[in-house]
Amino acid sequence: MTPHPLILVVDDDEDVRGMLALVLGSNEYRVALAEDGVEALELLRSGVKPALILLDLRMPRLSGSEVVRYMAHEGLAPGVPVVIISGDGTAAETVVGLGTAGLLLKPVELEELLRLVGRLTAPRAKTEM
């Protein structure tokens, strides 16, 4: 039996982390939590292998954009989709060029969250013959 996908949730707001963990966990996803970008990078460096990263854009110590750049520079979690989460209405312009898989605006619509997470963590069909 394949384990349920692990989602890394990175947000400095404890309420947001808790809500996302509750929603994802109740939908059978495994969840790892980080309260900022520094903690997220430490988890990835220690060998945590998420299927998806939900990453807040505005955080103390390291912003979501900086986390994505460090991940690319250090080769952390290659091929793992990153979805930016932000309450900033201008976030779309900020994340252009980061190569992220999506953007969710706060307050996060739970149906949209689950649809996006499901699509990005679904097993890929083999196209090679």
Protein backbone atom coordinates (compact mmCIF):
# COMPACT_ATOMS: atom_id res chain seq x y z
CA MET A 1 0.00 0.00 0.00
CA THR A 2 1.38 3.41 -0.98
CA PRO A 3 1.55 5.89 1.90
CA HIS A 4 -0.54 9.00 1.57
CA PRO A 5 1.38 11.98 0.17
CA LEU A 6 3.31 14.17 2.60
CA ILE A 7 2.54 17.89 2.38
CA LEU A 8 4.97 20.40 3.89
CA VAL A 9 3.03 23.42 5.18
CA VAL A 10 5.16 26.52 5.80
CA ASP A 11 3.45 29.53 7.38
CA ASP A 12 4.38 31.85 10.23
CA ASP A 13 0.71 32.12 11.29
CA GLU A 14 -0.04 29.31 13.74
CA ASP A 15 -3.77 29.46 12.98
CA VAL A 16 -3.19 29.06 9.24
CA ARG A 17 -0.77 26.14 9.82
CA GLY A 18 -3.26 24.49 12.13
CA MET A 19 -6.19 24.93 9.74
CA LEU A 20 -4.25 23.59 6.77
CA ALA A 21 -2.96 20.64 8.83
CA LEU A 22 -6.49 19.84 10.01
CA VAL A 23 -8.03 20.02 6.53
CA LEU A 24 -5.22 18.05 4.86
CA GLY A 25 -5.03 15.48 7.65
CA SER A 26 -8.78 14.89 7.57
CA ASN A 27 -8.41 14.20 3.85
CA GLU A 28 -5.78 11.52 4.53
CA TYR A 29 -2.69 13.54 3.66
CA ARG A 30 0.33 13.34 5.93
CA VAL A 31 1.48 16.80 7.03
CA ALA A 32 4.81 18.27 8.14
CA LEU A 33 4.76 21.79 9.57
CA ALA A 34 7.32 24.60 9.54
CA GLU A 35 6.72 28.00 11.10
CA ASP A 36 9.06 29.86 8.75
CA GLY A 37 11.36 29.52 5.77
CA VAL A 38 14.43 28.71 7.86
CA GLU A 39 12.66 25.78 9.53
CA ALA A 40 11.36 24.58 6.15
CA LEU A 41 14.87 24.52 4.68
CA GLU A 42 16.15 22.67 7.77
CA LEU A 43 13.46 20.01 7.32
CA LEU A 44 14.32 19.58 3.62
CA ARG A 45 18.06 19.42 4.39
CA SER A 46 17.39 16.76 7.03
CA GLY A 47 15.78 14.49 4.43
CA VAL A 48 12.06 15.25 4.69
CA LYS A 49 10.65 14.39 1.26
CA PRO A 50 7.30 16.07 0.66
CA ALA A 51 5.11 15.45 -2.37
CA LEU A 52 4.07 19.12 -2.26
CA ILE A 53 5.06 22.29 -0.42
CA LEU A 54 2.49 24.92 0.60
CA LEU A 55 4.58 28.02 1.23
CA ASP A 56 3.55 31.37 2.70
CA LEU A 57 4.98 34.30 0.78
CA ARG A 58 5.49 36.83 3.58
CA MET A 59 7.35 35.44 6.61
CA PRO A 60 10.04 36.66 9.00
CA ARG A 61 13.62 35.47 8.55
CA LEU A 62 13.10 34.13 4.98
CA SER A 63 10.27 34.96 2.61
CA GLY A 64 8.64 32.33 0.45
CA SER A 65 10.48 33.71 -2.59
CA GLU A 66 13.81 33.36 -0.79
CA VAL A 67 12.95 29.78 0.24
CA VAL A 68 12.24 28.86 -3.39
CA ARG A 69 15.56 30.40 -4.47
CA TYR A 70 17.51 28.54 -1.74
CA MET A 71 15.79 25.29 -2.70
CA ALA A 72 16.83 25.74 -6.33
CA HIS A 73 20.39 26.80 -5.43
CA GLU A 74 20.89 23.84 -3.06
CA GLY A 75 19.02 21.27 -5.14
CA LEU A 76 16.51 20.65 -2.35
CA ALA A 77 13.30 18.80 -3.23
CA PRO A 78 13.86 18.78 -7.00
CA GLY A 79 10.65 18.27 -8.93
CA VAL A 80 8.47 18.88 -5.86
CA PRO A 81 5.71 21.36 -6.69
CA VAL A 82 5.54 24.51 -4.56
CA VAL A 83 2.29 26.40 -4.12
CA ILE A 84 2.58 29.91 -2.74
CA ILE A 85 -0.04 31.00 -0.21
CA SER A 86 -0.48 34.72 0.42
CA GLY A 87 -2.86 37.32 1.71
CA ASP A 88 -1.17 39.90 -0.51
CA GLY A 89 -3.29 40.85 -3.51
CA THR A 90 -0.12 41.62 -5.48
CA ALA A 91 1.37 38.16 -4.85
CA ALA A 92 0.84 37.10 -8.46
CA GLU A 93 3.36 39.70 -9.65
CA THR A 94 5.79 38.74 -6.87
CA VAL A 95 5.87 35.04 -7.74
CA VAL A 96 6.28 35.49 -11.49
CA GLY A 97 9.50 33.78 -12.50
CA LEU A 98 9.79 31.62 -9.38
CA GLY A 99 8.61 28.50 -11.20
CA THR A 100 5.98 27.65 -8.62
CA ALA A 101 3.06 25.34 -9.35
CA GLY A 102 0.33 27.67 -8.16
CA LEU A 103 -0.89 30.48 -5.96
CA LEU A 104 -3.63 30.39 -3.33
CA LEU A 105 -4.84 33.67 -1.86
CA LYS A 106 -5.80 33.90 1.81
CA PRO A 107 -8.33 33.27 3.09
CA VAL A 108 -7.81 29.94 1.34
CA GLU A 109 -10.90 28.37 -0.21
CA LEU A 110 -10.82 24.80 1.11
CA GLU A 111 -12.33 23.22 -2.01
CA GLU A 112 -9.77 25.00 -4.19
CA LEU A 113 -6.97 23.90 -1.83
CA LEU A 114 -8.01 20.24 -1.91
CA ARG A 115 -8.53 20.27 -5.69
CA LEU A 116 -5.05 21.77 -6.26
CA VAL A 117 -3.34 19.47 -3.74
CA GLY A 118 -5.09 16.44 -5.23
CA ARG A 119 -4.03 17.37 -8.76
CA LEU A 120 -0.42 18.10 -7.81
CA THR A 121 0.04 14.94 -5.72
CA ALA A 122 -1.79 12.50 -8.00
CA PRO A 123 0.39 9.69 -9.34
CA ARG A 124 1.70 10.57 -12.77
CA ALA A 125 0.63 8.28 -15.60
CA LYS A 126 3.56 6.64 -17.36
CA THR A 127 3.92 8.00 -20.86
CA GLU A 128 7.01 6.04 -21.83
CA MET A 129 6.59 2.77 -23.68
